[in-house]
Amino acid sequence: MFENNLKCLTTNDKLKRDLKSIPLEKALSDITYVKTPNEDTVFLKSDIAMDDIKNPVEYAKSLVTEKIKTFSTNDIIFVMGIGVGYILDELFYNTKAKIVVYEPDILYLRFIFAYRQLNMNNN
């Protein structure tokens, strides 16, 4: 999963190298998870939920509006934080826009790349 997720970093070789250099054990140091009432998984870092803990999939769907679904490859969507990836999944499946993700915590990004298959091939 980790190597597949790295493939999405088509223009950022430095980030690929940095992520590969981080031992997974280090990234796991303060990660736990909870199951939502719908049995979705939500990760917690330092006891802070990285996504909606009630219904993260429906929350993600509510954010992807009909307008966003009409975006073309000339449009860009900026996502602040990778969360668990539910919002990214909705964006990848529902828009042709370019998606730029800013995740400030490289240890959390290393963890997500190892434990969550991100579906980044919408185009």
PDB file of N, CA and C in Angstrom:
ATOM      1  N   MET A   1       0.824  -1.192   0.000  1.00  0.00           N
ATOM      2  CA  MET A   1       0.000   0.000   0.000  1.00  0.00           C
ATOM      3  C   MET A   1       0.872   1.261   0.000  1.00  0.00           C
ATOM      4  N   PHE A   2       1.902   1.254   0.826  1.00  0.00           N
ATOM      5  CA  PHE A   2       2.790   2.408   0.927  1.00  0.00           C
ATOM      6  C   PHE A   2       3.388   2.766  -0.433  1.00  0.00           C
ATOM      7  N   GLU A   3       3.931   1.770  -1.120  1.00  0.00           N
ATOM      8  CA  GLU A   3       4.559   2.029  -2.426  1.00  0.00           C
ATOM      9  C   GLU A   3       3.528   2.516  -3.446  1.00  0.00           C
ATOM     10  N   ASN A   4       2.333   1.954  -3.422  1.00  0.00           N
ATOM     11  CA  ASN A   4       1.279   2.413  -4.343  1.00  0.00           C
ATOM     12  C   ASN A   4       0.917   3.863  -4.074  1.00  0.00           C
ATOM     13  N   ASN A   5       0.808   4.235  -2.813  1.00  0.00           N
ATOM     14  CA  ASN A   5       0.474   5.618  -2.478  1.00  0.00           C
ATOM     15  C   ASN A   5       1.602   6.576  -2.856  1.00  0.00           C
ATOM     16  N   LEU A   6       2.837   6.121  -2.763  1.00  0.00           N
ATOM     17  CA  LEU A   6       3.961   6.977  -3.162  1.00  0.00           C
ATOM     18  C   LEU A   6       3.889   7.358  -4.643  1.00  0.00           C
ATOM     19  N   LYS A   7       3.295   6.507  -5.445  1.00  0.00           N
ATOM     20  CA  LYS A   7       3.207   6.776  -6.881  1.00  0.00           C
ATOM     21  C   LYS A   7       2.434   8.053  -7.201  1.00  0.00           C
ATOM     22  N   CYS A   8       1.577   8.486  -6.274  1.00  0.00           N
ATOM     23  CA  CYS A   8       0.814   9.712  -6.529  1.00  0.00           C
ATOM     24  C   CYS A   8       1.688  10.952  -6.436  1.00  0.00           C
ATOM     25  N   LEU A   9       2.856  10.814  -5.834  1.00  0.00           N
ATOM     26  CA  LEU A   9       3.767  11.955  -5.687  1.00  0.00           C
ATOM     27  C   LEU A   9       4.632  12.071  -6.936  1.00  0.00           C
ATOM     28  N   THR A  10       4.006  12.350  -8.040  1.00  0.00           N
ATOM     29  CA  THR A  10       4.684  12.317  -9.337  1.00  0.00           C
ATOM     30  C   THR A  10       5.727  13.412  -9.504  1.00  0.00           C
ATOM     31  N   THR A  11       5.577  14.508  -8.787  1.00  0.00           N
ATOM     32  CA  THR A  11       6.517  15.621  -8.989  1.00  0.00           C
ATOM     33  C   THR A  11       7.274  15.987  -7.723  1.00  0.00           C
ATOM     34  N   ASN A  12       7.209  15.148  -6.696  1.00  0.00           N
ATOM     35  CA  ASN A  12       7.841  15.513  -5.434  1.00  0.00           C
ATOM     36  C   ASN A  12       8.760  14.395  -4.949  1.00  0.00           C
ATOM     37  N   ASP A  13       9.919  14.270  -5.598  1.00  0.00           N
ATOM     38  CA  ASP A  13      10.868  13.223  -5.241  1.00  0.00           C
ATOM     39  C   ASP A  13      11.433  13.404  -3.837  1.00  0.00           C
ATOM     40  N   LYS A  14      11.587  14.643  -3.399  1.00  0.00           N
ATOM     41  CA  LYS A  14      12.106  14.874  -2.051  1.00  0.00           C
ATOM     42  C   LYS A  14      11.150  14.327  -0.997  1.00  0.00           C
ATOM     43  N   LEU A  15       9.853  14.574  -1.159  1.00  0.00           N
ATOM     44  CA  LEU A  15       8.881  14.054  -0.212  1.00  0.00           C
ATOM     45  C   LEU A  15       8.886  12.523  -0.230  1.00  0.00           C
ATOM     46  N   LYS A  16       9.008  11.918  -1.411  1.00  0.00           N
ATOM     47  CA  LYS A  16       9.101  10.459  -1.494  1.00  0.00           C
ATOM     48  C   LYS A  16      10.278   9.954  -0.672  1.00  0.00           C
ATOM     49  N   ARG A  17      11.435  10.570  -0.859  1.00  0.00           N
ATOM     50  CA  ARG A  17      12.631  10.151  -0.101  1.00  0.00           C
ATOM     51  C   ARG A  17      12.431  10.343   1.392  1.00  0.00           C
ATOM     52  N   ASP A  18      11.859  11.479   1.773  1.00  0.00           N
ATOM     53  CA  ASP A  18      11.638  11.755   3.200  1.00  0.00           C
ATOM     54  C   ASP A  18      10.691  10.721   3.813  1.00  0.00           C
ATOM     55  N   LEU A  19       9.611  10.397   3.120  1.00  0.00           N
ATOM     56  CA  LEU A  19       8.659   9.417   3.645  1.00  0.00           C
ATOM     57  C   LEU A  19       9.298   8.033   3.758  1.00  0.00           C
ATOM     58  N   LYS A  20      10.087   7.665   2.757  1.00  0.00           N
ATOM     59  CA  LYS A  20      10.754   6.359   2.791  1.00  0.00           C
ATOM     60  C   LYS A  20      11.760   6.262   3.935  1.00  0.00           C
ATOM     61  N   SER A  21      12.315   7.391   4.333  1.00  0.00           N
ATOM     62  CA  SER A  21      13.350   7.376   5.382  1.00  0.00           C
ATOM     63  C   SER A  21      12.766   7.289   6.795  1.00  0.00           C
ATOM     64  N   ILE A  22      11.464   7.448   6.940  1.00  0.00           N
ATOM     65  CA  ILE A  22      10.829   7.425   8.263  1.00  0.00           C
ATOM     66  C   ILE A  22      10.425   5.991   8.610  1.00  0.00           C
ATOM     67  N   PRO A  23      10.957   5.448   9.690  1.00  0.00           N
ATOM     68  CA  PRO A  23      10.524   4.105  10.104  1.00  0.00           C
ATOM     69  C   PRO A  23       9.041   4.125  10.493  1.00  0.00           C
ATOM     70  N   LEU A  24       8.309   3.127  10.059  1.00  0.00           N
ATOM     71  CA  LEU A  24       6.883   3.072  10.345  1.00  0.00           C
ATOM     72  C   LEU A  24       6.613   3.109  11.849  1.00  0.00           C
ATOM     73  N   GLU A  25       7.459   2.484  12.635  1.00  0.00           N
ATOM     74  CA  GLU A  25       7.273   2.475  14.086  1.00  0.00           C
ATOM     75  C   GLU A  25       7.255   3.896  14.653  1.00  0.00           C
ATOM     76  N   LYS A  26       8.067   4.761  14.085  1.00  0.00           N
ATOM     77  CA  LYS A  26       8.089   6.155  14.538  1.00  0.00           C
ATOM     78  C   LYS A  26       6.767   6.854  14.214  1.00  0.00           C
ATOM     79  N   ALA A  27       6.224   6.569  13.034  1.00  0.00           N
ATOM     80  CA  ALA A  27       4.953   7.183  12.622  1.00  0.00           C
ATOM     81  C   ALA A  27       3.781   6.668  13.453  1.00  0.00           C
ATOM     82  N   LEU A  28       3.903   5.470  13.986  1.00  0.00           N
ATOM     83  CA  LEU A  28       2.824   4.853  14.758  1.00  0.00           C
ATOM     84  C   LEU A  28       2.799   5.281  16.223  1.00  0.00           C
ATOM     85  N   SER A  29       3.780   6.039  16.650  1.00  0.00           N
ATOM     86  CA  SER A  29       3.992   6.268  18.081  1.00  0.00           C
ATOM     87  C   SER A  29       2.790   6.820  18.834  1.00  0.00           C
ATOM     88  N   ASP A  30       1.980   7.661  18.246  1.00  0.00           N
ATOM     89  CA  ASP A  30       0.820   8.188  18.975  1.00  0.00           C
ATOM     90  C   ASP A  30      -0.480   8.098  18.166  1.00  0.00           C
ATOM     91  N   ILE A  31      -0.598   7.020  17.380  1.00  0.00           N
ATOM     92  CA  ILE A  31      -1.789   6.794  16.556  1.00  0.00           C
ATOM     93  C   ILE A  31      -2.655   5.711  17.203  1.00  0.00           C
ATOM     94  N   THR A  32      -3.938   5.999  17.310  1.00  0.00           N
ATOM     95  CA  THR A  32      -4.925   5.005  17.709  1.00  0.00           C
ATOM     96  C   THR A  32      -6.086   5.120  16.724  1.00  0.00           C
ATOM     97  N   TYR A  33      -7.122   4.339  16.929  1.00  0.00           N
ATOM     98  CA  TYR A  33      -8.276   4.451  16.038  1.00  0.00           C
ATOM     99  C   TYR A  33      -9.554   4.133  16.795  1.00  0.00           C
ATOM    100  N   VAL A  34     -10.654   4.592  16.223  1.00  0.00           N
ATOM    101  CA  VAL A  34     -11.984   4.256  16.721  1.00  0.00           C
ATOM    102  C   VAL A  34     -12.820   3.800  15.534  1.00  0.00           C
ATOM    103  N   LYS A  35     -13.853   3.033  15.835  1.00  0.00           N
ATOM    104  CA  LYS A  35     -14.833   2.647  14.822  1.00  0.00           C
ATOM    105  C   LYS A  35     -16.065   3.519  15.015  1.00  0.00           C
ATOM    106  N   THR A  36     -16.592   4.017  13.920  1.00  0.00           N
ATOM    107  CA  THR A  36     -17.802   4.838  13.976  1.00  0.00           C
ATOM    108  C   THR A  36     -19.016   3.924  14.096  1.00  0.00           C
ATOM    109  N   PRO A  37     -20.196   4.478  14.354  1.00  0.00           N
ATOM    110  CA  PRO A  37     -21.413   3.649  14.383  1.00  0.00           C
ATOM    111  C   PRO A  37     -21.641   2.875  13.074  1.00  0.00           C
ATOM    112  N   ASN A  38     -21.125   3.396  11.959  1.00  0.00           N
ATOM    113  CA  ASN A  38     -21.253   2.722  10.653  1.00  0.00           C
ATOM    114  C   ASN A  38     -20.095   1.780  10.366  1.00  0.00           C
ATOM    115  N   GLU A  39     -19.216   1.578  11.360  1.00  0.00           N
ATOM    116  CA  GLU A  39     -18.049   0.702  11.233  1.00  0.00           C
ATOM    117  C   GLU A  39     -16.943   1.270  10.341  1.00  0.00           C
ATOM    118  N   ASP A  40     -16.960   2.571  10.061  1.00  0.00           N
ATOM    119  CA  ASP A  40     -15.832   3.208   9.386  1.00  0.00           C
ATOM    120  C   ASP A  40     -14.726   3.400  10.420  1.00  0.00           C
ATOM    121  N   THR A  41     -13.506   3.444   9.954  1.00  0.00           N
ATOM    122  CA  THR A  41     -12.370   3.670  10.841  1.00  0.00           C
ATOM    123  C   THR A  41     -11.974   5.130  10.812  1.00  0.00           C
ATOM    124  N   VAL A  42     -11.728   5.692  11.984  1.00  0.00           N
ATOM    125  CA  VAL A  42     -11.199   7.050  12.097  1.00  0.00           C
ATOM    126  C   VAL A  42      -9.951   6.970  12.965  1.00  0.00           C
ATOM    127  N   PHE A  43      -8.864   7.499  12.454  1.00  0.00           N
ATOM    128  CA  PHE A  43      -7.604   7.498  13.196  1.00  0.00           C
ATOM    129  C   PHE A  43      -7.546   8.708  14.120  1.00  0.00           C
ATOM    130  N   LEU A  44      -6.862   8.520  15.230  1.00  0.00           N
ATOM    131  CA  LEU A  44      -6.626   9.598  16.183  1.00  0.00           C
ATOM    132  C   LEU A  44      -5.123   9.764  16.339  1.00  0.00           C
ATOM    133  N   LYS A  45      -4.684  10.993  16.311  1.00  0.00           N
ATOM    134  CA  LYS A  45      -3.272  11.311  16.561  1.00  0.00           C
ATOM    135  C   LYS A  45      -3.253  12.166  17.809  1.00  0.00           C
ATOM    136  N   SER A  46      -2.525  11.698  18.800  1.00  0.00           N
ATOM    137  CA  SER A  46      -2.500  12.381  20.095  1.00  0.00           C
ATOM    138  C   SER A  46      -3.923  12.596  20.612  1.00  0.00           C
ATOM    139  N   ASP A  47      -4.768  11.597  20.432  1.00  0.00           N
ATOM    140  CA  ASP A  47      -6.169  11.596  20.875  1.00  0.00           C
ATOM    141  C   ASP A  47      -7.058  12.620  20.158  1.00  0.00           C
ATOM    142  N   ILE A  48      -6.609  13.138  19.024  1.00  0.00           N
ATOM    143  CA  ILE A  48      -7.406  14.066  18.220  1.00  0.00           C
ATOM    144  C   ILE A  48      -7.864  13.335  16.963  1.00  0.00           C
ATOM    145  N   ALA A  49      -9.180  13.304  16.747  1.00  0.00           N
ATOM    146  CA  ALA A  49      -9.736  12.615  15.581  1.00  0.00           C
ATOM    147  C   ALA A  49      -9.307  13.316  14.301  1.00  0.00           C
ATOM    148  N   MET A  50      -8.898  12.528  13.318  1.00  0.00           N
ATOM    149  CA  MET A  50      -8.448  13.059  12.037  1.00  0.00           C
ATOM    150  C   MET A  50      -9.579  13.150  11.012  1.00  0.00           C
ATOM    151  N   ASP A  51     -10.793  12.851  11.439  1.00  0.00           N
ATOM    152  CA  ASP A  51     -11.964  12.953  10.566  1.00  0.00           C
ATOM    153  C   ASP A  51     -13.207  12.987  11.450  1.00  0.00           C
ATOM    154  N   ASP A  52     -14.361  13.127  10.830  1.00  0.00           N
ATOM    155  CA  ASP A  52     -15.627  13.114  11.546  1.00  0.00           C
ATOM    156  C   ASP A  52     -15.806  11.743  12.207  1.00  0.00           C
ATOM    157  N   ILE A  53     -16.149  11.698  13.492  1.00  0.00           N
ATOM    158  CA  ILE A  53     -16.245  10.406  14.179  1.00  0.00           C
ATOM    159  C   ILE A  53     -17.663   9.828  14.195  1.00  0.00           C
ATOM    160  N   LYS A  54     -18.614  10.548  13.651  1.00  0.00           N
ATOM    161  CA  LYS A  54     -19.977  10.019  13.598  1.00  0.00           C
ATOM    162  C   LYS A  54     -20.233   9.272  12.298  1.00  0.00           C
ATOM    163  N   ASN A  55     -19.954   9.932  11.181  1.00  0.00           N
ATOM    164  CA  ASN A  55     -20.194   9.322   9.879  1.00  0.00           C
ATOM    165  C   ASN A  55     -19.267   9.989   8.856  1.00  0.00           C
ATOM    166  N   PRO A  56     -17.990   9.612   8.835  1.00  0.00           N
ATOM    167  CA  PRO A  56     -17.025  10.324   7.990  1.00  0.00           C
ATOM    168  C   PRO A  56     -17.296  10.215   6.493  1.00  0.00           C
ATOM    169  N   VAL A  57     -17.845   9.113   6.048  1.00  0.00           N
ATOM    170  CA  VAL A  57     -18.111   8.967   4.613  1.00  0.00           C
ATOM    171  C   VAL A  57     -19.235   9.912   4.182  1.00  0.00           C
ATOM    172  N   GLU A  58     -20.311   9.957   4.942  1.00  0.00           N
ATOM    173  CA  GLU A  58     -21.414  10.875   4.602  1.00  0.00           C
ATOM    174  C   GLU A  58     -20.969  12.329   4.729  1.00  0.00           C
ATOM    175  N   TYR A  59     -20.138  12.613   5.714  1.00  0.00           N
ATOM    176  CA  TYR A  59     -19.613  13.973   5.857  1.00  0.00           C
ATOM    177  C   TYR A  59     -18.805  14.338   4.616  1.00  0.00           C
ATOM    178  N   ALA A  60     -17.956  13.432   4.158  1.00  0.00           N
ATOM    179  CA  ALA A  60     -17.152  13.687   2.958  1.00  0.00           C
ATOM    180  C   ALA A  60     -18.054  13.928   1.748  1.00  0.00           C
ATOM    181  N   LYS A  61     -19.081  13.106   1.617  1.00  0.00           N
ATOM    182  CA  LYS A  61     -20.010  13.279   0.488  1.00  0.00           C
ATOM    183  C   LYS A  61     -20.706  14.633   0.546  1.00  0.00           C
ATOM    184  N   SER A  62     -21.014  15.103   1.752  1.00  0.00           N
ATOM    185  CA  SER A  62     -21.701  16.398   1.885  1.00  0.00           C
ATOM    186  C   SER A  62     -20.814  17.569   1.466  1.00  0.00           C
ATOM    187  N   LEU A  63     -19.509  17.389   1.529  1.00  0.00           N
ATOM    188  CA  LEU A  63     -18.590  18.463   1.153  1.00  0.00           C
ATOM    189  C   LEU A  63     -18.388  18.576  -0.351  1.00  0.00           C
ATOM    190  N   VAL A  64     -18.592  17.486  -1.063  1.00  0.00           N
ATOM    191  CA  VAL A  64     -18.394  17.487  -2.511  1.00  0.00           C
ATOM    192  C   VAL A  64     -19.713  17.879  -3.168  1.00  0.00           C
ATOM    193  N   THR A  65     -19.842  19.165  -3.422  1.00  0.00           N
ATOM    194  CA  THR A  65     -21.078  19.729  -3.948  1.00  0.00           C
ATOM    195  C   THR A  65     -21.222  19.473  -5.447  1.00  0.00           C
ATOM    196  N   GLU A  66     -22.400  19.739  -5.950  1.00  0.00           N
ATOM    197  CA  GLU A  66     -22.642  19.601  -7.387  1.00  0.00           C
ATOM    198  C   GLU A  66     -21.708  20.516  -8.186  1.00  0.00           C
ATOM    199  N   LYS A  67     -21.406  21.680  -7.635  1.00  0.00           N
ATOM    200  CA  LYS A  67     -20.491  22.607  -8.322  1.00  0.00           C
ATOM    201  C   LYS A  67     -19.113  21.982  -8.473  1.00  0.00           C
ATOM    202  N   ILE A  68     -18.607  21.374  -7.403  1.00  0.00           N
ATOM    203  CA  ILE A  68     -17.284  20.749  -7.457  1.00  0.00           C
ATOM    204  C   ILE A  68     -17.266  19.631  -8.499  1.00  0.00           C
ATOM    205  N   LYS A  69     -18.374  18.931  -8.639  1.00  0.00           N
ATOM    206  CA  LYS A  69     -18.445  17.828  -9.604  1.00  0.00           C
ATOM    207  C   LYS A  69     -18.309  18.314 -11.040  1.00  0.00           C
ATOM    208  N   THR A  70     -18.543  19.611 -11.291  1.00  0.00           N
ATOM    209  CA  THR A  70     -18.425  20.147 -12.651  1.00  0.00           C
ATOM    210  C   THR A  70     -17.034  20.686 -12.950  1.00  0.00           C
ATOM    211  N   PHE A  71     -16.149  20.684 -11.977  1.00  0.00           N
ATOM    212  CA  PHE A  71     -14.794  21.208 -12.203  1.00  0.00           C
ATOM    213  C   PHE A  71     -14.081  20.391 -13.279  1.00  0.00           C
ATOM    214  N   SER A  72     -13.230  21.079 -14.014  1.00  0.00           N
ATOM    215  CA  SER A  72     -12.479  20.437 -15.099  1.00  0.00           C
ATOM    216  C   SER A  72     -11.014  20.272 -14.698  1.00  0.00           C
ATOM    217  N   THR A  73     -10.229  19.726 -15.600  1.00  0.00           N
ATOM    218  CA  THR A  73      -8.797  19.549 -15.343  1.00  0.00           C
ATOM    219  C   THR A  73      -8.059  20.882 -15.243  1.00  0.00           C
ATOM    220  N   ASN A  74      -8.731  21.974 -15.598  1.00  0.00           N
ATOM    221  CA  ASN A  74      -8.124  23.307 -15.453  1.00  0.00           C
ATOM    222  C   ASN A  74      -8.307  23.876 -14.051  1.00  0.00           C
ATOM    223  N   ASP A  75      -9.149  23.238 -13.240  1.00  0.00           N
ATOM    224  CA  ASP A  75      -9.429  23.715 -11.887  1.00  0.00           C
ATOM    225  C   ASP A  75      -8.519  23.012 -10.880  1.00  0.00           C
ATOM    226  N   ILE A  76      -8.309  23.671  -9.750  1.00  0.00           N
ATOM    227  CA  ILE A  76      -7.478  23.111  -8.678  1.00  0.00           C
ATOM    228  C   ILE A  76      -8.244  23.201  -7.366  1.00  0.00           C
ATOM    229  N   ILE A  77      -8.246  22.109  -6.621  1.00  0.00           N
ATOM    230  CA  ILE A  77      -8.853  22.077  -5.293  1.00  0.00           C
ATOM    231  C   ILE A  77      -7.723  21.881  -4.285  1.00  0.00           C
ATOM    232  N   PHE A  78      -7.665  22.745  -3.282  1.00  0.00           N
ATOM    233  CA  PHE A  78      -6.672  22.621  -2.214  1.00  0.00           C
ATOM    234  C   PHE A  78      -7.335  21.993  -0.998  1.00  0.00           C
ATOM    235  N   VAL A  79      -6.724  20.949  -0.467  1.00  0.00           N
ATOM    236  CA  VAL A  79      -7.235  20.258   0.719  1.00  0.00           C
ATOM    237  C   VAL A  79      -6.223  20.461   1.842  1.00  0.00           C
ATOM    238  N   MET A  80      -6.696  20.986   2.951  1.00  0.00           N
ATOM    239  CA  MET A  80      -5.823  21.242   4.094  1.00  0.00           C
ATOM    240  C   MET A  80      -5.898  20.055   5.048  1.00  0.00           C
ATOM    241  N   GLY A  81      -4.900  19.201   5.019  1.00  0.00           N
ATOM    242  CA  GLY A  81      -4.848  18.010   5.865  1.00  0.00           C
ATOM    243  C   GLY A  81      -5.447  16.804   5.164  1.00  0.00           C
ATOM    244  N   ILE A  82      -4.777  15.681   5.277  1.00  0.00           N
ATOM    245  CA  ILE A  82      -5.229  14.471   4.584  1.00  0.00           C
ATOM    246  C   ILE A  82      -6.327  13.741   5.339  1.00  0.00           C
ATOM    247  N   GLY A  83      -6.449  13.984   6.640  1.00  0.00           N
ATOM    248  CA  GLY A  83      -7.465  13.292   7.435  1.00  0.00           C
ATOM    249  C   GLY A  83      -7.279  11.794   7.339  1.00  0.00           C
ATOM    250  N   VAL A  84      -8.383  11.088   7.128  1.00  0.00           N
ATOM    251  CA  VAL A  84      -8.319   9.637   6.929  1.00  0.00           C
ATOM    252  C   VAL A  84      -8.388   9.304   5.438  1.00  0.00           C
ATOM    253  N   GLY A  85      -8.737  10.298   4.629  1.00  0.00           N
ATOM    254  CA  GLY A  85      -8.783  10.100   3.185  1.00  0.00           C
ATOM    255  C   GLY A  85     -10.173   9.983   2.613  1.00  0.00           C
ATOM    256  N   TYR A  86     -11.207  10.014   3.442  1.00  0.00           N
ATOM    257  CA  TYR A  86     -12.576   9.895   2.937  1.00  0.00           C
ATOM    258  C   TYR A  86     -12.938  11.069   2.022  1.00  0.00           C
ATOM    259  N   ILE A  87     -12.533  12.266   2.394  1.00  0.00           N
ATOM    260  CA  ILE A  87     -12.826  13.438   1.556  1.00  0.00           C
ATOM    261  C   ILE A  87     -12.073  13.337   0.232  1.00  0.00           C
ATOM    262  N   LEU A  88     -10.819  12.906   0.291  1.00  0.00           N
ATOM    263  CA  LEU A  88     -10.061  12.732  -0.949  1.00  0.00           C
ATOM    264  C   LEU A  88     -10.714  11.698  -1.856  1.00  0.00           C
ATOM    265  N   ASP A  89     -11.187  10.593  -1.270  1.00  0.00           N
ATOM    266  CA  ASP A  89     -11.876   9.587  -2.086  1.00  0.00           C
ATOM    267  C   ASP A  89     -13.045  10.214  -2.840  1.00  0.00           C
ATOM    268  N   GLU A  90     -13.848  10.987  -2.140  1.00  0.00           N
ATOM    269  CA  GLU A  90     -14.998  11.624  -2.787  1.00  0.00           C
ATOM    270  C   GLU A  90     -14.555  12.570  -3.902  1.00  0.00           C
ATOM    271  N   LEU A  91     -13.509  13.331  -3.642  1.00  0.00           N
ATOM    272  CA  LEU A  91     -13.006  14.245  -4.682  1.00  0.00           C
ATOM    273  C   LEU A  91     -12.477  13.466  -5.878  1.00  0.00           C
ATOM    274  N   PHE A  92     -11.679  12.428  -5.639  1.00  0.00           N
ATOM    275  CA  PHE A  92     -11.106  11.650  -6.742  1.00  0.00           C
ATOM    276  C   PHE A  92     -12.180  11.014  -7.610  1.00  0.00           C
ATOM    277  N   TYR A  93     -13.270  10.564  -6.990  1.00  0.00           N
ATOM    278  CA  TYR A  93     -14.332   9.901  -7.742  1.00  0.00           C
ATOM    279  C   TYR A  93     -15.283  10.877  -8.426  1.00  0.00           C
ATOM    280  N   ASN A  94     -15.339  12.127  -7.969  1.00  0.00           N
ATOM    281  CA  ASN A  94     -16.403  13.019  -8.416  1.00  0.00           C
ATOM    282  C   ASN A  94     -15.959  14.284  -9.133  1.00  0.00           C
ATOM    283  N   THR A  95     -14.673  14.484  -9.318  1.00  0.00           N
ATOM    284  CA  THR A  95     -14.252  15.677 -10.035  1.00  0.00           C
ATOM    285  C   THR A  95     -13.023  15.366 -10.881  1.00  0.00           C
ATOM    286  N   LYS A  96     -12.865  16.141 -11.919  1.00  0.00           N
ATOM    287  CA  LYS A  96     -11.674  16.009 -12.760  1.00  0.00           C
ATOM    288  C   LYS A  96     -10.621  17.061 -12.396  1.00  0.00           C
ATOM    289  N   ALA A  97     -10.933  17.889 -11.410  1.00  0.00           N
ATOM    290  CA  ALA A  97      -9.999  18.942 -10.992  1.00  0.00           C
ATOM    291  C   ALA A  97      -8.716  18.333 -10.439  1.00  0.00           C
ATOM    292  N   LYS A  98      -7.659  19.123 -10.530  1.00  0.00           N
ATOM    293  CA  LYS A  98      -6.400  18.741  -9.875  1.00  0.00           C
ATOM    294  C   LYS A  98      -6.592  18.929  -8.373  1.00  0.00           C
ATOM    295  N   ILE A  99      -6.044  18.015  -7.585  1.00  0.00           N
ATOM    296  CA  ILE A  99      -6.204  18.071  -6.138  1.00  0.00           C
ATOM    297  C   ILE A  99      -4.831  18.200  -5.509  1.00  0.00           C
ATOM    298  N   VAL A 100      -4.662  19.243  -4.706  1.00  0.00           N
ATOM    299  CA  VAL A 100      -3.409  19.481  -3.992  1.00  0.00           C
ATOM    300  C   VAL A 100      -3.705  19.336  -2.503  1.00  0.00           C
ATOM    301  N   VAL A 101      -2.945  18.463  -1.845  1.00  0.00           N
ATOM    302  CA  VAL A 101      -3.146  18.224  -0.417  1.00  0.00           C
ATOM    303  C   VAL A 101      -1.968  18.795   0.360  1.00  0.00           C
ATOM    304  N   TYR A 102      -2.273  19.575   1.377  1.00  0.00           N
ATOM    305  CA  TYR A 102      -1.244  20.069   2.292  1.00  0.00           C
ATOM    306  C   TYR A 102      -1.425  19.338   3.621  1.00  0.00           C
ATOM    307  N   GLU A 103      -0.480  18.472   3.939  1.00  0.00           N
ATOM    308  CA  GLU A 103      -0.488  17.781   5.228  1.00  0.00           C
ATOM    309  C   GLU A 103       0.781  18.194   5.971  1.00  0.00           C
ATOM    310  N   PRO A 104       0.647  18.981   7.038  1.00  0.00           N
ATOM    311  CA  PRO A 104       1.826  19.509   7.723  1.00  0.00           C
ATOM    312  C   PRO A 104       2.579  18.492   8.581  1.00  0.00           C
ATOM    313  N   ASP A 105       1.961  17.360   8.897  1.00  0.00           N
ATOM    314  CA  ASP A 105       2.581  16.371   9.788  1.00  0.00           C
ATOM    315  C   ASP A 105       3.115  15.199   8.974  1.00  0.00           C
ATOM    316  N   ILE A 106       4.414  15.188   8.724  1.00  0.00           N
ATOM    317  CA  ILE A 106       5.002  14.152   7.866  1.00  0.00           C
ATOM    318  C   ILE A 106       4.906  12.768   8.501  1.00  0.00           C
ATOM    319  N   LEU A 107       4.936  12.684   9.829  1.00  0.00           N
ATOM    320  CA  LEU A 107       4.784  11.380  10.480  1.00  0.00           C
ATOM    321  C   LEU A 107       3.377  10.822  10.244  1.00  0.00           C
ATOM    322  N   TYR A 108       2.380  11.689  10.326  1.00  0.00           N
ATOM    323  CA  TYR A 108       1.012  11.233  10.059  1.00  0.00           C
ATOM    324  C   TYR A 108       0.857  10.842   8.591  1.00  0.00           C
ATOM    325  N   LEU A 109       1.456  11.610   7.686  1.00  0.00           N
ATOM    326  CA  LEU A 109       1.396  11.279   6.267  1.00  0.00           C
ATOM    327  C   LEU A 109       2.042   9.918   6.011  1.00  0.00           C
ATOM    328  N   ARG A 110       3.169   9.655   6.661  1.00  0.00           N
ATOM    329  CA  ARG A 110       3.844   8.351   6.532  1.00  0.00           C
ATOM    330  C   ARG A 110       2.909   7.232   6.995  1.00  0.00           C
ATOM    331  N   PHE A 111       2.238   7.441   8.113  1.00  0.00           N
ATOM    332  CA  PHE A 111       1.291   6.454   8.627  1.00  0.00           C
ATOM    333  C   PHE A 111       0.158   6.215   7.633  1.00  0.00           C
ATOM    334  N   ILE A 112      -0.474   7.283   7.167  1.00  0.00           N
ATOM    335  CA  ILE A 112      -1.607   7.150   6.233  1.00  0.00           C
ATOM    336  C   ILE A 112      -1.182   6.434   4.957  1.00  0.00           C
ATOM    337  N   PHE A 113      -0.019   6.761   4.429  1.00  0.00           N
ATOM    338  CA  PHE A 113       0.441   6.107   3.206  1.00  0.00           C
ATOM    339  C   PHE A 113       0.647   4.605   3.426  1.00  0.00           C
ATOM    340  N   ALA A 114       0.940   4.199   4.648  1.00  0.00           N
ATOM    341  CA  ALA A 114       1.155   2.780   4.940  1.00  0.00           C
ATOM    342  C   ALA A 114      -0.142   2.028   5.220  1.00  0.00           C
ATOM    343  N   TYR A 115      -1.157   2.715   5.760  1.00  0.00           N
ATOM    344  CA  TYR A 115      -2.349   2.024   6.244  1.00  0.00           C
ATOM    345  C   TYR A 115      -3.644   2.329   5.515  1.00  0.00           C
ATOM    346  N   ARG A 116      -3.622   3.229   4.569  1.00  0.00           N
ATOM    347  CA  ARG A 116      -4.874   3.598   3.883  1.00  0.00           C
ATOM    348  C   ARG A 116      -4.590   3.716   2.401  1.00  0.00           C
ATOM    349  N   GLN A 117      -5.217   2.834   1.601  1.00  0.00           N
ATOM    350  CA  GLN A 117      -5.058   2.945   0.160  1.00  0.00           C
ATOM    351  C   GLN A 117      -5.838   4.158  -0.326  1.00  0.00           C
ATOM    352  N   LEU A 118      -5.120   5.135  -0.847  1.00  0.00           N
ATOM    353  CA  LEU A 118      -5.749   6.341  -1.372  1.00  0.00           C
ATOM    354  C   LEU A 118      -6.055   6.114  -2.851  1.00  0.00           C
ATOM    355  N   ASN A 119      -7.280   6.386  -3.235  1.00  0.00           N
ATOM    356  CA  ASN A 119      -7.731   6.143  -4.602  1.00  0.00           C
ATOM    357  C   ASN A 119      -7.508   7.390  -5.443  1.00  0.00           C
ATOM    358  N   MET A 120      -6.303   7.524  -5.955  1.00  0.00           N
ATOM    359  CA  MET A 120      -5.912   8.777  -6.593  1.00  0.00           C
ATOM    360  C   MET A 120      -5.866   8.723  -8.109  1.00  0.00           C
ATOM    361  N   ASN A 121      -6.609   7.866  -8.711  1.00  0.00           N
ATOM    362  CA  ASN A 121      -6.568   7.758 -10.168  1.00  0.00           C
ATOM    363  C   ASN A 121      -7.919   8.061 -10.777  1.00  0.00           C
ATOM    364  N   ASN A 122      -8.344   9.310 -10.636  1.00  0.00           N
ATOM    365  CA  ASN A 122      -9.654   9.658 -11.189  1.00  0.00           C
ATOM    366  C   ASN A 122      -9.593  10.034 -12.665  1.00  0.00           C
ATOM    367  N   ASN A 123      -8.425  10.405 -13.179  1.00  0.00           N
ATOM    368  CA  ASN A 123      -8.332  10.867 -14.568  1.00  0.00           C
ATOM    369  C   ASN A 123      -7.428   9.946 -15.351  1.00  0.00           C
TER     370      ASN A 123
END
